[in-house]
Amino acid sequence: MTRTGDYDVDFKTERSRMTNASNADLFISIHFNATGAGVSNATGIETYWYQYNPEYQPKINKEMHNNPTRLAESEILANKVQESLIKETGAVNRGVRRETFAVLRETAIPAILVELGFMDNPSELQVIKQDSYHTRLAKALAQGVMNWYGAVEGK
């Protein structure tokens, strides 16, 4: 974990610096989504892994941002975690997508960002607030990581 409380850590570089210095095997950025449109009917879970975009050049991860092994392992991680999250929660599957988010671009190890539901959807928010749902999300994330280890160690 890069933080143990509810306080800001600069998402453009500081979180990635912390991760890169941690000797971790992988990085998962955990979020809850919102459309930004006030009240929404959007639902579901989606997972992102890094997509290179020449308009967004890396600031601290110039060597590894486009490393083929890191990208391949990030894609596997994204798919394993998304599959596990959907299986465990029964949430709408919004899929695995690629994006150039700074936290994915600047991290030198396999990295994904998960959006675990929409906080601006009143019915989904009620589910998100339940401790039992948090437990299911944690179990699914752990299972996805174990499945990733099985896939990448078997190569």
N, C-alpha and C. Protein backbone atom coordinates (compact mmCIF):
# COMPACT_ATOMS: atom_id res chain seq x y z
N MET A 1 0.85 -1.18 0.00
CA MET A 1 0.00 0.00 0.00
C MET A 1 0.90 1.24 0.00
N THR A 2 0.52 2.21 -0.82
CA THR A 2 1.31 3.45 -0.86
C THR A 2 0.81 4.47 0.14
N ARG A 3 -0.31 4.20 0.79
CA ARG A 3 -0.79 5.06 1.87
C ARG A 3 -1.68 4.25 2.79
N THR A 4 -1.73 4.67 4.04
CA THR A 4 -2.53 3.94 5.03
C THR A 4 -3.69 4.77 5.56
N GLY A 5 -3.87 5.98 5.04
CA GLY A 5 -4.96 6.85 5.45
C GLY A 5 -5.51 7.59 4.25
N ASP A 6 -6.46 8.47 4.49
CA ASP A 6 -7.10 9.24 3.43
C ASP A 6 -6.39 10.58 3.28
N TYR A 7 -5.28 10.58 2.56
CA TYR A 7 -4.54 11.80 2.27
C TYR A 7 -3.98 11.69 0.86
N ASP A 8 -3.72 12.84 0.27
CA ASP A 8 -3.26 12.87 -1.12
C ASP A 8 -1.81 12.48 -1.25
N VAL A 9 -1.54 11.69 -2.28
CA VAL A 9 -0.19 11.42 -2.75
C VAL A 9 -0.21 11.79 -4.22
N ASP A 10 0.71 12.64 -4.64
CA ASP A 10 0.74 13.10 -6.03
C ASP A 10 0.65 11.92 -6.99
N PHE A 11 -0.40 11.90 -7.80
CA PHE A 11 -0.62 10.76 -8.68
C PHE A 11 0.24 10.81 -9.93
N LYS A 12 0.79 11.95 -10.28
CA LYS A 12 1.56 12.04 -11.53
C LYS A 12 2.92 11.37 -11.40
N THR A 13 3.59 11.55 -10.28
CA THR A 13 4.91 10.92 -10.14
C THR A 13 5.18 10.31 -8.77
N GLU A 14 4.71 10.93 -7.69
CA GLU A 14 5.12 10.47 -6.36
C GLU A 14 4.67 9.04 -6.06
N ARG A 15 3.45 8.70 -6.40
CA ARG A 15 2.97 7.33 -6.15
C ARG A 15 3.85 6.33 -6.93
N SER A 16 4.19 6.68 -8.16
CA SER A 16 5.04 5.80 -8.96
C SER A 16 6.45 5.72 -8.40
N ARG A 17 6.99 6.84 -7.93
CA ARG A 17 8.32 6.81 -7.29
C ARG A 17 8.30 5.86 -6.09
N MET A 18 7.26 5.97 -5.28
CA MET A 18 7.14 5.10 -4.10
C MET A 18 7.08 3.64 -4.53
N THR A 19 6.30 3.36 -5.56
CA THR A 19 6.16 1.99 -6.06
C THR A 19 7.48 1.49 -6.62
N ASN A 20 8.13 2.30 -7.43
CA ASN A 20 9.38 1.89 -8.07
C ASN A 20 10.48 1.61 -7.04
N ALA A 21 10.42 2.27 -5.90
CA ALA A 21 11.41 2.07 -4.85
C ALA A 21 11.03 0.94 -3.90
N SER A 22 9.88 0.35 -4.08
CA SER A 22 9.34 -0.60 -3.09
C SER A 22 9.80 -2.04 -3.26
N ASN A 23 10.37 -2.39 -4.38
CA ASN A 23 10.75 -3.77 -4.68
C ASN A 23 9.52 -4.68 -4.79
N ALA A 24 8.37 -4.10 -5.13
CA ALA A 24 7.14 -4.88 -5.32
C ALA A 24 7.18 -5.59 -6.67
N ASP A 25 6.38 -6.63 -6.81
CA ASP A 25 6.29 -7.37 -8.07
C ASP A 25 5.28 -6.74 -9.03
N LEU A 26 4.30 -6.04 -8.48
CA LEU A 26 3.24 -5.47 -9.30
C LEU A 26 2.61 -4.29 -8.56
N PHE A 27 1.79 -3.52 -9.29
CA PHE A 27 1.13 -2.35 -8.72
C PHE A 27 -0.33 -2.35 -9.15
N ILE A 28 -1.23 -2.16 -8.18
CA ILE A 28 -2.66 -2.02 -8.47
C ILE A 28 -3.12 -0.71 -7.86
N SER A 29 -3.62 0.18 -8.70
CA SER A 29 -4.19 1.44 -8.25
C SER A 29 -5.70 1.24 -8.12
N ILE A 30 -6.22 1.37 -6.91
CA ILE A 30 -7.62 1.03 -6.62
C ILE A 30 -8.45 2.31 -6.53
N HIS A 31 -9.53 2.34 -7.31
CA HIS A 31 -10.40 3.52 -7.38
C HIS A 31 -11.86 3.11 -7.39
N PHE A 32 -12.70 4.08 -7.07
CA PHE A 32 -14.13 3.99 -7.35
C PHE A 32 -14.44 5.08 -8.36
N ASN A 33 -15.26 4.77 -9.32
CA ASN A 33 -15.51 5.60 -10.48
C ASN A 33 -16.61 6.62 -10.23
N ALA A 34 -16.72 7.59 -11.13
CA ALA A 34 -17.82 8.56 -11.18
C ALA A 34 -17.84 9.13 -12.59
N THR A 35 -19.01 9.40 -13.09
CA THR A 35 -19.13 9.96 -14.44
C THR A 35 -18.84 11.44 -14.47
N GLY A 36 -18.99 12.11 -13.34
CA GLY A 36 -18.82 13.54 -13.30
C GLY A 36 -20.07 14.31 -13.70
N ALA A 37 -21.15 13.58 -13.94
CA ALA A 37 -22.39 14.19 -14.41
C ALA A 37 -23.43 14.31 -13.30
N GLY A 38 -23.02 14.29 -12.06
CA GLY A 38 -23.99 14.31 -10.96
C GLY A 38 -24.47 12.91 -10.69
N VAL A 39 -25.78 12.69 -10.76
CA VAL A 39 -26.35 11.36 -10.56
C VAL A 39 -26.27 10.60 -11.88
N SER A 40 -25.87 9.35 -11.80
CA SER A 40 -25.63 8.54 -13.00
C SER A 40 -26.30 7.18 -12.87
N ASN A 41 -26.50 6.53 -14.00
CA ASN A 41 -26.96 5.14 -13.97
C ASN A 41 -25.86 4.20 -14.45
N ALA A 42 -24.63 4.71 -14.59
CA ALA A 42 -23.50 3.88 -15.00
C ALA A 42 -23.20 2.86 -13.90
N THR A 43 -22.85 1.65 -14.30
CA THR A 43 -22.54 0.59 -13.35
C THR A 43 -21.34 -0.21 -13.83
N GLY A 44 -20.74 -0.91 -12.91
CA GLY A 44 -19.76 -1.91 -13.29
C GLY A 44 -18.33 -1.62 -12.90
N ILE A 45 -17.52 -2.62 -13.21
CA ILE A 45 -16.10 -2.62 -12.89
C ILE A 45 -15.31 -2.65 -14.19
N GLU A 46 -14.24 -1.85 -14.23
CA GLU A 46 -13.34 -1.86 -15.38
C GLU A 46 -11.91 -1.80 -14.89
N THR A 47 -11.02 -2.35 -15.69
CA THR A 47 -9.61 -2.42 -15.34
C THR A 47 -8.79 -1.88 -16.50
N TYR A 48 -7.77 -1.09 -16.18
CA TYR A 48 -6.92 -0.46 -17.19
C TYR A 48 -5.47 -0.93 -17.06
N TRP A 49 -4.80 -1.01 -18.21
CA TRP A 49 -3.36 -1.19 -18.25
C TRP A 49 -2.81 -0.18 -19.24
N TYR A 50 -1.50 -0.01 -19.28
CA TYR A 50 -0.85 1.10 -19.98
C TYR A 50 -0.95 1.03 -21.50
N GLN A 51 -1.29 2.17 -22.08
CA GLN A 51 -1.28 2.37 -23.53
C GLN A 51 -0.36 3.55 -23.82
N TYR A 52 0.68 3.32 -24.60
CA TYR A 52 1.60 4.40 -24.95
C TYR A 52 0.88 5.46 -25.78
N ASN A 53 1.14 6.72 -25.47
CA ASN A 53 0.64 7.85 -26.24
C ASN A 53 1.77 8.86 -26.32
N PRO A 54 2.25 9.18 -27.54
CA PRO A 54 3.40 10.09 -27.66
C PRO A 54 3.15 11.48 -27.09
N GLU A 55 1.89 11.85 -26.89
CA GLU A 55 1.58 13.16 -26.31
C GLU A 55 1.85 13.19 -24.80
N TYR A 56 1.99 12.02 -24.18
CA TYR A 56 2.23 11.93 -22.74
C TYR A 56 3.53 11.15 -22.51
N GLN A 57 4.63 11.85 -22.52
CA GLN A 57 5.93 11.22 -22.35
C GLN A 57 6.20 10.97 -20.86
N PRO A 58 6.85 9.86 -20.55
CA PRO A 58 7.16 9.56 -19.15
C PRO A 58 8.15 10.57 -18.57
N LYS A 59 7.95 10.90 -17.30
CA LYS A 59 8.84 11.83 -16.61
C LYS A 59 9.91 11.09 -15.80
N ILE A 60 9.53 9.99 -15.16
CA ILE A 60 10.49 9.28 -14.29
C ILE A 60 10.74 7.85 -14.75
N ASN A 61 9.94 7.34 -15.65
CA ASN A 61 10.04 5.94 -16.07
C ASN A 61 10.37 5.86 -17.55
N LYS A 62 11.43 6.50 -17.96
CA LYS A 62 11.77 6.59 -19.38
C LYS A 62 12.22 5.25 -19.97
N GLU A 63 12.82 4.38 -19.17
CA GLU A 63 13.34 3.12 -19.68
C GLU A 63 12.29 2.01 -19.75
N MET A 64 11.43 1.93 -18.74
CA MET A 64 10.54 0.77 -18.63
C MET A 64 9.11 1.02 -19.09
N HIS A 65 8.72 2.26 -19.38
CA HIS A 65 7.30 2.52 -19.65
C HIS A 65 6.77 1.71 -20.82
N ASN A 66 7.59 1.45 -21.81
CA ASN A 66 7.13 0.71 -22.99
C ASN A 66 7.83 -0.64 -23.12
N ASN A 67 8.37 -1.15 -22.02
CA ASN A 67 9.05 -2.44 -22.01
C ASN A 67 8.06 -3.55 -22.36
N PRO A 68 8.35 -4.36 -23.39
CA PRO A 68 7.40 -5.39 -23.82
C PRO A 68 7.01 -6.39 -22.73
N THR A 69 7.95 -6.78 -21.89
CA THR A 69 7.63 -7.74 -20.82
C THR A 69 6.71 -7.09 -19.79
N ARG A 70 7.01 -5.86 -19.40
CA ARG A 70 6.15 -5.14 -18.45
C ARG A 70 4.75 -4.99 -19.00
N LEU A 71 4.65 -4.64 -20.29
CA LEU A 71 3.33 -4.46 -20.90
C LEU A 71 2.57 -5.78 -20.98
N ALA A 72 3.25 -6.84 -21.40
CA ALA A 72 2.59 -8.15 -21.49
C ALA A 72 2.11 -8.62 -20.12
N GLU A 73 2.94 -8.44 -19.10
CA GLU A 73 2.55 -8.86 -17.75
C GLU A 73 1.45 -7.96 -17.19
N SER A 74 1.44 -6.69 -17.56
CA SER A 74 0.35 -5.79 -17.14
C SER A 74 -0.96 -6.22 -17.78
N GLU A 75 -0.91 -6.59 -19.05
CA GLU A 75 -2.13 -7.05 -19.73
C GLU A 75 -2.67 -8.32 -19.08
N ILE A 76 -1.79 -9.26 -18.77
CA ILE A 76 -2.21 -10.49 -18.10
C ILE A 76 -2.81 -10.15 -16.73
N LEU A 77 -2.15 -9.29 -15.98
CA LEU A 77 -2.65 -8.88 -14.67
C LEU A 77 -4.03 -8.25 -14.79
N ALA A 78 -4.20 -7.36 -15.74
CA ALA A 78 -5.50 -6.70 -15.94
C ALA A 78 -6.59 -7.72 -16.21
N ASN A 79 -6.32 -8.66 -17.09
CA ASN A 79 -7.33 -9.67 -17.43
C ASN A 79 -7.63 -10.61 -16.28
N LYS A 80 -6.60 -11.05 -15.56
CA LYS A 80 -6.82 -11.96 -14.43
C LYS A 80 -7.60 -11.27 -13.31
N VAL A 81 -7.26 -10.03 -13.02
CA VAL A 81 -7.95 -9.30 -11.95
C VAL A 81 -9.39 -9.00 -12.36
N GLN A 82 -9.60 -8.53 -13.58
CA GLN A 82 -10.96 -8.23 -14.03
C GLN A 82 -11.84 -9.48 -13.99
N GLU A 83 -11.31 -10.57 -14.49
CA GLU A 83 -12.06 -11.84 -14.47
C GLU A 83 -12.45 -12.23 -13.05
N SER A 84 -11.52 -12.12 -12.14
CA SER A 84 -11.77 -12.48 -10.74
C SER A 84 -12.78 -11.53 -10.09
N LEU A 85 -12.66 -10.23 -10.36
CA LEU A 85 -13.59 -9.26 -9.80
C LEU A 85 -15.02 -9.52 -10.25
N ILE A 86 -15.20 -9.80 -11.53
CA ILE A 86 -16.55 -10.03 -12.06
C ILE A 86 -17.11 -11.33 -11.50
N LYS A 87 -16.28 -12.36 -11.44
CA LYS A 87 -16.73 -13.65 -10.92
C LYS A 87 -17.16 -13.54 -9.46
N GLU A 88 -16.37 -12.84 -8.65
CA GLU A 88 -16.64 -12.74 -7.21
C GLU A 88 -17.80 -11.82 -6.88
N THR A 89 -17.95 -10.73 -7.63
CA THR A 89 -18.95 -9.72 -7.27
C THR A 89 -20.24 -9.80 -8.08
N GLY A 90 -20.18 -10.37 -9.27
CA GLY A 90 -21.34 -10.37 -10.15
C GLY A 90 -21.62 -9.00 -10.75
N ALA A 91 -20.69 -8.07 -10.63
CA ALA A 91 -20.86 -6.72 -11.16
C ALA A 91 -20.88 -6.74 -12.69
N VAL A 92 -21.40 -5.67 -13.27
CA VAL A 92 -21.37 -5.50 -14.72
C VAL A 92 -19.92 -5.44 -15.17
N ASN A 93 -19.59 -6.18 -16.20
CA ASN A 93 -18.22 -6.23 -16.73
C ASN A 93 -18.04 -5.13 -17.77
N ARG A 94 -17.37 -4.05 -17.39
CA ARG A 94 -17.10 -2.96 -18.32
C ARG A 94 -15.81 -3.20 -19.10
N GLY A 95 -15.14 -4.30 -18.81
CA GLY A 95 -14.01 -4.73 -19.62
C GLY A 95 -12.65 -4.26 -19.16
N VAL A 96 -11.67 -4.73 -19.92
CA VAL A 96 -10.28 -4.35 -19.74
C VAL A 96 -9.95 -3.36 -20.85
N ARG A 97 -9.34 -2.26 -20.47
CA ARG A 97 -9.07 -1.18 -21.42
C ARG A 97 -7.63 -0.71 -21.26
N ARG A 98 -7.17 0.00 -22.27
CA ARG A 98 -5.83 0.58 -22.21
C ARG A 98 -5.94 2.09 -22.11
N GLU A 99 -5.05 2.68 -21.31
CA GLU A 99 -5.07 4.13 -21.11
C GLU A 99 -3.67 4.58 -20.73
N THR A 100 -3.40 5.85 -20.89
CA THR A 100 -2.08 6.40 -20.60
C THR A 100 -2.02 7.12 -19.25
N PHE A 101 -2.78 6.65 -18.29
CA PHE A 101 -2.78 7.26 -16.96
C PHE A 101 -1.36 7.36 -16.42
N ALA A 102 -1.04 8.48 -15.78
CA ALA A 102 0.31 8.71 -15.27
C ALA A 102 0.78 7.60 -14.35
N VAL A 103 -0.09 7.12 -13.48
CA VAL A 103 0.31 6.09 -12.52
C VAL A 103 0.68 4.78 -13.23
N LEU A 104 0.14 4.53 -14.41
CA LEU A 104 0.51 3.35 -15.19
C LEU A 104 1.76 3.62 -16.02
N ARG A 105 1.88 4.82 -16.55
CA ARG A 105 3.02 5.21 -17.39
C ARG A 105 4.31 5.29 -16.58
N GLU A 106 4.23 5.80 -15.36
CA GLU A 106 5.44 6.09 -14.58
C GLU A 106 5.88 4.95 -13.67
N THR A 107 5.12 3.88 -13.63
CA THR A 107 5.46 2.73 -12.79
C THR A 107 6.29 1.74 -13.60
N ALA A 108 7.39 1.29 -13.05
CA ALA A 108 8.35 0.46 -13.79
C ALA A 108 8.07 -1.04 -13.71
N ILE A 109 7.00 -1.43 -13.04
CA ILE A 109 6.64 -2.84 -12.89
C ILE A 109 5.25 -3.04 -13.49
N PRO A 110 4.82 -4.29 -13.68
CA PRO A 110 3.46 -4.51 -14.18
C PRO A 110 2.46 -3.73 -13.32
N ALA A 111 1.56 -2.99 -13.98
CA ALA A 111 0.68 -2.08 -13.26
C ALA A 111 -0.70 -2.02 -13.90
N ILE A 112 -1.72 -1.95 -13.04
CA ILE A 112 -3.09 -1.78 -13.50
C ILE A 112 -3.80 -0.76 -12.62
N LEU A 113 -4.90 -0.24 -13.13
CA LEU A 113 -5.79 0.63 -12.37
C LEU A 113 -7.17 0.02 -12.45
N VAL A 114 -7.80 -0.20 -11.30
CA VAL A 114 -9.15 -0.78 -11.27
C VAL A 114 -10.14 0.28 -10.80
N GLU A 115 -11.28 0.32 -11.47
CA GLU A 115 -12.42 1.17 -11.09
C GLU A 115 -13.50 0.20 -10.62
N LEU A 116 -13.80 0.22 -9.33
CA LEU A 116 -14.60 -0.83 -8.69
C LEU A 116 -16.08 -0.50 -8.54
N GLY A 117 -16.58 0.42 -9.32
CA GLY A 117 -18.00 0.77 -9.27
C GLY A 117 -18.18 2.27 -9.31
N PHE A 118 -19.41 2.70 -9.54
CA PHE A 118 -19.72 4.12 -9.72
C PHE A 118 -20.36 4.71 -8.47
N MET A 119 -19.65 5.64 -7.87
CA MET A 119 -20.13 6.28 -6.65
C MET A 119 -21.26 7.27 -6.92
N ASP A 120 -21.43 7.70 -8.18
CA ASP A 120 -22.51 8.64 -8.48
C ASP A 120 -23.77 7.94 -8.98
N ASN A 121 -23.77 6.61 -8.90
CA ASN A 121 -24.98 5.83 -9.15
C ASN A 121 -25.53 5.45 -7.78
N PRO A 122 -26.69 5.99 -7.38
CA PRO A 122 -27.19 5.76 -6.02
C PRO A 122 -27.33 4.28 -5.64
N SER A 123 -27.81 3.45 -6.56
CA SER A 123 -27.98 2.03 -6.20
C SER A 123 -26.63 1.33 -6.11
N GLU A 124 -25.70 1.67 -6.99
CA GLU A 124 -24.38 1.04 -6.91
C GLU A 124 -23.63 1.55 -5.67
N LEU A 125 -23.83 2.80 -5.32
CA LEU A 125 -23.18 3.35 -4.13
C LEU A 125 -23.60 2.58 -2.87
N GLN A 126 -24.85 2.18 -2.79
CA GLN A 126 -25.32 1.41 -1.63
C GLN A 126 -24.56 0.10 -1.50
N VAL A 127 -24.26 -0.53 -2.62
CA VAL A 127 -23.47 -1.77 -2.61
C VAL A 127 -22.03 -1.47 -2.22
N ILE A 128 -21.45 -0.44 -2.84
CA ILE A 128 -20.06 -0.07 -2.59
C ILE A 128 -19.81 0.21 -1.11
N LYS A 129 -20.78 0.75 -0.41
CA LYS A 129 -20.62 1.13 1.00
C LYS A 129 -20.64 -0.06 1.96
N GLN A 130 -21.02 -1.24 1.49
CA GLN A 130 -21.16 -2.40 2.37
C GLN A 130 -19.80 -3.05 2.67
N ASP A 131 -19.54 -3.30 3.94
CA ASP A 131 -18.31 -3.98 4.33
C ASP A 131 -18.18 -5.34 3.66
N SER A 132 -19.29 -6.04 3.52
CA SER A 132 -19.24 -7.37 2.89
C SER A 132 -18.80 -7.26 1.43
N TYR A 133 -19.16 -6.17 0.77
CA TYR A 133 -18.72 -5.97 -0.61
C TYR A 133 -17.22 -5.67 -0.65
N HIS A 134 -16.73 -4.89 0.30
CA HIS A 134 -15.29 -4.62 0.39
C HIS A 134 -14.52 -5.93 0.54
N THR A 135 -15.05 -6.83 1.35
CA THR A 135 -14.41 -8.13 1.56
C THR A 135 -14.37 -8.91 0.25
N ARG A 136 -15.46 -8.91 -0.49
CA ARG A 136 -15.50 -9.62 -1.77
C ARG A 136 -14.54 -8.99 -2.78
N LEU A 137 -14.45 -7.66 -2.79
CA LEU A 137 -13.50 -6.99 -3.68
C LEU A 137 -12.06 -7.38 -3.33
N ALA A 138 -11.74 -7.36 -2.04
CA ALA A 138 -10.39 -7.71 -1.60
C ALA A 138 -10.06 -9.16 -1.96
N LYS A 139 -11.01 -10.05 -1.74
CA LYS A 139 -10.81 -11.46 -2.08
C LYS A 139 -10.57 -11.61 -3.58
N ALA A 140 -11.35 -10.90 -4.38
CA ALA A 140 -11.21 -10.99 -5.84
C ALA A 140 -9.88 -10.42 -6.31
N LEU A 141 -9.46 -9.30 -5.73
CA LEU A 141 -8.16 -8.73 -6.10
C LEU A 141 -7.04 -9.71 -5.77
N ALA A 142 -7.10 -10.30 -4.58
CA ALA A 142 -6.08 -11.27 -4.17
C ALA A 142 -6.08 -12.48 -5.10
N GLN A 143 -7.26 -12.98 -5.44
CA GLN A 143 -7.34 -14.14 -6.33
C GLN A 143 -6.80 -13.79 -7.72
N GLY A 144 -7.11 -12.60 -8.21
CA GLY A 144 -6.59 -12.17 -9.50
C GLY A 144 -5.08 -12.10 -9.51
N VAL A 145 -4.50 -11.61 -8.42
CA VAL A 145 -3.04 -11.54 -8.30
C VAL A 145 -2.45 -12.95 -8.27
N MET A 146 -3.06 -13.85 -7.51
CA MET A 146 -2.57 -15.24 -7.47
C MET A 146 -2.65 -15.87 -8.86
N ASN A 147 -3.73 -15.60 -9.58
CA ASN A 147 -3.87 -16.14 -10.93
C ASN A 147 -2.81 -15.55 -11.86
N TRP A 148 -2.48 -14.27 -11.66
CA TRP A 148 -1.43 -13.63 -12.45
C TRP A 148 -0.08 -14.30 -12.17
N TYR A 149 0.24 -14.52 -10.90
CA TYR A 149 1.49 -15.20 -10.57
C TYR A 149 1.55 -16.56 -11.26
N GLY A 150 0.47 -17.29 -11.23
CA GLY A 150 0.45 -18.59 -11.90
C GLY A 150 0.69 -18.49 -13.39
N ALA A 151 0.17 -17.45 -14.01
CA ALA A 151 0.32 -17.27 -15.46
C ALA A 151 1.73 -16.81 -15.83
N VAL A 152 2.29 -15.86 -15.10
CA VAL A 152 3.60 -15.32 -15.50
C VAL A 152 4.75 -16.21 -15.04
N GLU A 153 4.57 -16.93 -13.95
CA GLU A 153 5.63 -17.83 -13.51
C GLU A 153 5.69 -19.08 -14.36
N GLY A 154 4.59 -19.38 -15.04
CA GLY A 154 4.54 -20.55 -15.89
C GLY A 154 5.12 -20.32 -17.28
N LYS A 155 5.54 -19.10 -17.56
CA LYS A 155 6.09 -18.78 -18.89
C LYS A 155 7.46 -19.38 -19.08
